[in-house]
Amino acid sequence: MKKNTKKTMVAKATLVKPTKEYTKDEVRSILKLSQGTALTRRPGMAGRGKISGSAVIAYLETAKRVKVGRRYASGTVTVVAR
């Protein structure tokens, strides 16, 4: 007799540090966006080069699509799920 076991997916929290610089692909994965999505309409994310963590955190706190788990005293934020 076979046992049917369910795999439970555990949502892994992502840490976003305000002083760190992130690449556009890292920001897309944090914000749960698809690979080709443009970031130009999001404040602080336009232009070339890396994006500051503070701009990512500011967007996370105003966006309704991404759930922010916890904010630490250092300013670091955990992103839990969409």
N, C-alpha and C. Protein backbone atom coordinates (compact mmCIF):
# COMPACT_ATOMS: atom_id res chain seq x y z
N MET A 1 0.83 -1.18 0.00
CA MET A 1 0.00 0.00 0.00
C MET A 1 0.88 1.25 0.00
N LYS A 2 0.60 2.16 -0.93
CA LYS A 2 1.40 3.37 -1.02
C LYS A 2 0.81 4.46 -0.15
N LYS A 3 1.72 5.20 0.44
CA LYS A 3 1.28 6.35 1.22
C LYS A 3 1.41 7.59 0.36
N ASN A 4 0.38 8.38 0.31
CA ASN A 4 0.45 9.65 -0.40
C ASN A 4 0.87 10.72 0.58
N THR A 5 2.02 11.29 0.31
CA THR A 5 2.49 12.35 1.19
C THR A 5 2.48 13.67 0.43
N LYS A 6 2.11 14.68 1.12
CA LYS A 6 2.07 16.01 0.52
C LYS A 6 3.36 16.74 0.87
N LYS A 7 3.89 17.43 -0.13
CA LYS A 7 5.04 18.28 0.13
C LYS A 7 4.51 19.67 0.44
N THR A 8 4.93 20.19 1.56
CA THR A 8 4.52 21.55 1.90
C THR A 8 5.62 22.50 1.49
N MET A 9 5.23 23.55 0.79
CA MET A 9 6.21 24.54 0.38
C MET A 9 6.36 25.58 1.47
N VAL A 10 7.57 25.77 1.91
CA VAL A 10 7.84 26.74 2.95
C VAL A 10 8.32 28.02 2.27
N ALA A 11 7.64 29.11 2.57
CA ALA A 11 8.02 30.40 1.99
C ALA A 11 9.30 30.87 2.66
N LYS A 12 10.33 31.05 1.85
CA LYS A 12 11.61 31.50 2.38
C LYS A 12 11.63 33.02 2.40
N ALA A 13 11.94 33.58 3.54
CA ALA A 13 11.97 35.03 3.67
C ALA A 13 13.26 35.57 3.05
N THR A 14 13.15 36.70 2.39
CA THR A 14 14.29 37.37 1.78
C THR A 14 14.60 38.62 2.59
N LEU A 15 15.87 38.80 2.94
CA LEU A 15 16.27 39.99 3.68
C LEU A 15 16.65 41.10 2.71
N VAL A 16 16.15 42.30 2.94
CA VAL A 16 16.51 43.47 2.14
C VAL A 16 17.15 44.48 3.09
N LYS A 17 18.42 44.78 2.82
CA LYS A 17 19.16 45.71 3.67
C LYS A 17 19.19 47.09 3.02
N PRO A 18 18.92 48.15 3.78
CA PRO A 18 18.82 49.49 3.20
C PRO A 18 20.13 50.03 2.63
N THR A 19 21.26 49.61 3.18
CA THR A 19 22.55 50.14 2.73
C THR A 19 23.15 49.36 1.58
N LYS A 20 22.60 48.21 1.26
CA LYS A 20 23.14 47.35 0.21
C LYS A 20 22.65 47.80 -1.17
N GLU A 21 23.46 47.56 -2.19
CA GLU A 21 23.09 47.85 -3.58
C GLU A 21 22.68 46.54 -4.25
N TYR A 22 21.54 46.54 -4.93
CA TYR A 22 21.01 45.34 -5.57
C TYR A 22 20.99 45.50 -7.08
N THR A 23 21.22 44.39 -7.80
CA THR A 23 21.08 44.43 -9.26
C THR A 23 19.60 44.40 -9.61
N LYS A 24 19.29 44.73 -10.86
CA LYS A 24 17.88 44.76 -11.28
C LYS A 24 17.25 43.38 -11.20
N ASP A 25 18.02 42.32 -11.52
CA ASP A 25 17.47 40.97 -11.42
C ASP A 25 17.17 40.58 -9.97
N GLU A 26 18.03 41.00 -9.05
CA GLU A 26 17.78 40.73 -7.63
C GLU A 26 16.52 41.45 -7.16
N VAL A 27 16.34 42.68 -7.62
CA VAL A 27 15.16 43.45 -7.23
C VAL A 27 13.89 42.80 -7.78
N ARG A 28 13.96 42.34 -9.02
CA ARG A 28 12.80 41.65 -9.61
C ARG A 28 12.44 40.40 -8.80
N SER A 29 13.44 39.65 -8.35
CA SER A 29 13.14 38.44 -7.58
C SER A 29 12.57 38.80 -6.20
N ILE A 30 13.05 39.90 -5.61
CA ILE A 30 12.52 40.34 -4.31
C ILE A 30 11.07 40.78 -4.45
N LEU A 31 10.78 41.51 -5.52
CA LEU A 31 9.43 42.03 -5.74
C LEU A 31 8.50 41.01 -6.39
N LYS A 32 9.01 39.81 -6.68
CA LYS A 32 8.23 38.73 -7.29
C LYS A 32 7.72 39.13 -8.67
N LEU A 33 8.59 39.76 -9.47
CA LEU A 33 8.26 40.17 -10.83
C LEU A 33 8.91 39.21 -11.82
N SER A 34 8.33 39.13 -13.01
CA SER A 34 8.92 38.26 -14.03
C SER A 34 10.20 38.90 -14.56
N GLN A 35 10.99 38.11 -15.27
CA GLN A 35 12.35 38.49 -15.62
C GLN A 35 12.45 39.74 -16.50
N GLY A 36 11.53 39.94 -17.41
CA GLY A 36 11.64 41.07 -18.32
C GLY A 36 10.94 42.34 -17.88
N THR A 37 10.39 42.37 -16.69
CA THR A 37 9.61 43.51 -16.23
C THR A 37 10.47 44.75 -16.06
N ALA A 38 10.00 45.88 -16.59
CA ALA A 38 10.72 47.14 -16.45
C ALA A 38 10.50 47.72 -15.06
N LEU A 39 11.54 48.29 -14.50
CA LEU A 39 11.45 48.87 -13.16
C LEU A 39 11.37 50.40 -13.20
N THR A 40 11.21 50.97 -14.39
CA THR A 40 11.29 52.42 -14.53
C THR A 40 10.14 53.16 -13.85
N ARG A 41 9.00 52.57 -13.72
CA ARG A 41 7.85 53.26 -13.11
C ARG A 41 7.87 53.22 -11.59
N ARG A 42 8.82 52.51 -11.03
CA ARG A 42 8.93 52.43 -9.58
C ARG A 42 9.95 53.47 -9.12
N PRO A 43 9.61 54.30 -8.13
CA PRO A 43 10.51 55.39 -7.73
C PRO A 43 11.85 54.89 -7.21
N GLY A 44 12.93 55.52 -7.68
CA GLY A 44 14.27 55.18 -7.24
C GLY A 44 14.89 54.00 -7.95
N MET A 45 14.19 53.40 -8.92
CA MET A 45 14.70 52.20 -9.57
C MET A 45 15.01 52.41 -11.05
N ALA A 46 14.85 53.63 -11.54
CA ALA A 46 15.12 53.89 -12.95
C ALA A 46 16.62 54.11 -13.16
N GLY A 47 17.04 54.11 -14.41
CA GLY A 47 18.43 54.37 -14.74
C GLY A 47 19.27 53.11 -14.77
N ARG A 48 20.56 53.32 -14.97
CA ARG A 48 21.48 52.20 -15.06
C ARG A 48 22.15 51.95 -13.72
N GLY A 49 22.78 50.81 -13.62
CA GLY A 49 23.51 50.49 -12.41
C GLY A 49 22.66 49.79 -11.38
N LYS A 50 23.16 49.79 -10.16
CA LYS A 50 22.48 49.06 -9.09
C LYS A 50 21.47 49.95 -8.39
N ILE A 51 20.56 49.29 -7.67
CA ILE A 51 19.46 49.98 -6.99
C ILE A 51 19.70 49.89 -5.49
N SER A 52 19.51 51.00 -4.80
CA SER A 52 19.75 50.99 -3.35
C SER A 52 18.65 50.22 -2.63
N GLY A 53 19.04 49.60 -1.54
CA GLY A 53 18.09 48.84 -0.75
C GLY A 53 17.00 49.70 -0.14
N SER A 54 17.33 50.97 0.15
CA SER A 54 16.33 51.86 0.73
C SER A 54 15.19 52.14 -0.25
N ALA A 55 15.51 52.23 -1.56
CA ALA A 55 14.47 52.44 -2.58
C ALA A 55 13.59 51.21 -2.69
N VAL A 56 14.19 50.03 -2.58
CA VAL A 56 13.42 48.78 -2.64
C VAL A 56 12.49 48.68 -1.45
N ILE A 57 12.99 49.02 -0.26
CA ILE A 57 12.18 48.95 0.96
C ILE A 57 11.03 49.96 0.90
N ALA A 58 11.31 51.16 0.39
CA ALA A 58 10.26 52.18 0.26
C ALA A 58 9.16 51.69 -0.66
N TYR A 59 9.53 51.02 -1.75
CA TYR A 59 8.52 50.49 -2.66
C TYR A 59 7.75 49.34 -2.02
N LEU A 60 8.44 48.48 -1.30
CA LEU A 60 7.79 47.34 -0.65
C LEU A 60 6.73 47.80 0.34
N GLU A 61 7.01 48.86 1.06
CA GLU A 61 6.08 49.32 2.09
C GLU A 61 4.86 50.02 1.51
N THR A 62 4.96 50.53 0.26
CA THR A 62 3.81 51.18 -0.35
C THR A 62 3.05 50.23 -1.27
N ALA A 63 3.70 49.19 -1.78
CA ALA A 63 3.06 48.25 -2.71
C ALA A 63 2.13 47.31 -1.96
N LYS A 64 1.06 46.93 -2.61
CA LYS A 64 0.10 46.02 -1.98
C LYS A 64 0.33 44.58 -2.41
N ARG A 65 1.16 44.37 -3.45
CA ARG A 65 1.34 43.02 -3.99
C ARG A 65 2.30 42.16 -3.19
N VAL A 66 3.23 42.77 -2.47
CA VAL A 66 4.27 42.01 -1.78
C VAL A 66 4.09 42.16 -0.28
N LYS A 67 4.18 41.06 0.44
CA LYS A 67 3.98 41.10 1.88
C LYS A 67 5.32 41.27 2.59
N VAL A 68 5.40 42.29 3.41
CA VAL A 68 6.61 42.53 4.21
C VAL A 68 6.41 41.86 5.56
N GLY A 69 7.36 41.03 5.94
CA GLY A 69 7.21 40.26 7.17
C GLY A 69 7.58 41.04 8.41
N ARG A 70 8.81 41.54 8.47
CA ARG A 70 9.28 42.18 9.69
C ARG A 70 10.28 43.28 9.36
N ARG A 71 10.24 44.34 10.14
CA ARG A 71 11.23 45.42 9.99
C ARG A 71 12.07 45.43 11.26
N TYR A 72 13.38 45.35 11.09
CA TYR A 72 14.30 45.35 12.22
C TYR A 72 14.78 46.76 12.54
N ALA A 73 15.37 46.94 13.71
CA ALA A 73 15.87 48.25 14.14
C ALA A 73 16.94 48.79 13.20
N SER A 74 17.68 47.89 12.55
CA SER A 74 18.73 48.31 11.62
C SER A 74 18.17 48.85 10.31
N GLY A 75 16.85 48.70 10.10
CA GLY A 75 16.23 49.11 8.85
C GLY A 75 16.03 47.97 7.89
N THR A 76 16.60 46.81 8.21
CA THR A 76 16.45 45.62 7.36
C THR A 76 15.01 45.14 7.38
N VAL A 77 14.52 44.71 6.21
CA VAL A 77 13.15 44.25 6.09
C VAL A 77 13.16 42.83 5.55
N THR A 78 12.26 41.98 6.05
CA THR A 78 12.11 40.64 5.48
C THR A 78 10.89 40.63 4.56
N VAL A 79 11.06 40.05 3.39
CA VAL A 79 9.97 39.92 2.42
C VAL A 79 9.52 38.47 2.49
N VAL A 80 8.26 38.27 2.82
CA VAL A 80 7.77 36.91 3.05
C VAL A 80 7.16 36.32 1.78
N ALA A 81 6.15 36.94 1.22
CA ALA A 81 5.45 36.34 0.10
C ALA A 81 4.73 37.40 -0.70
N ARG A 82 4.17 36.96 -1.81
CA ARG A 82 3.37 37.87 -2.64
C ARG A 82 2.00 38.03 -2.02
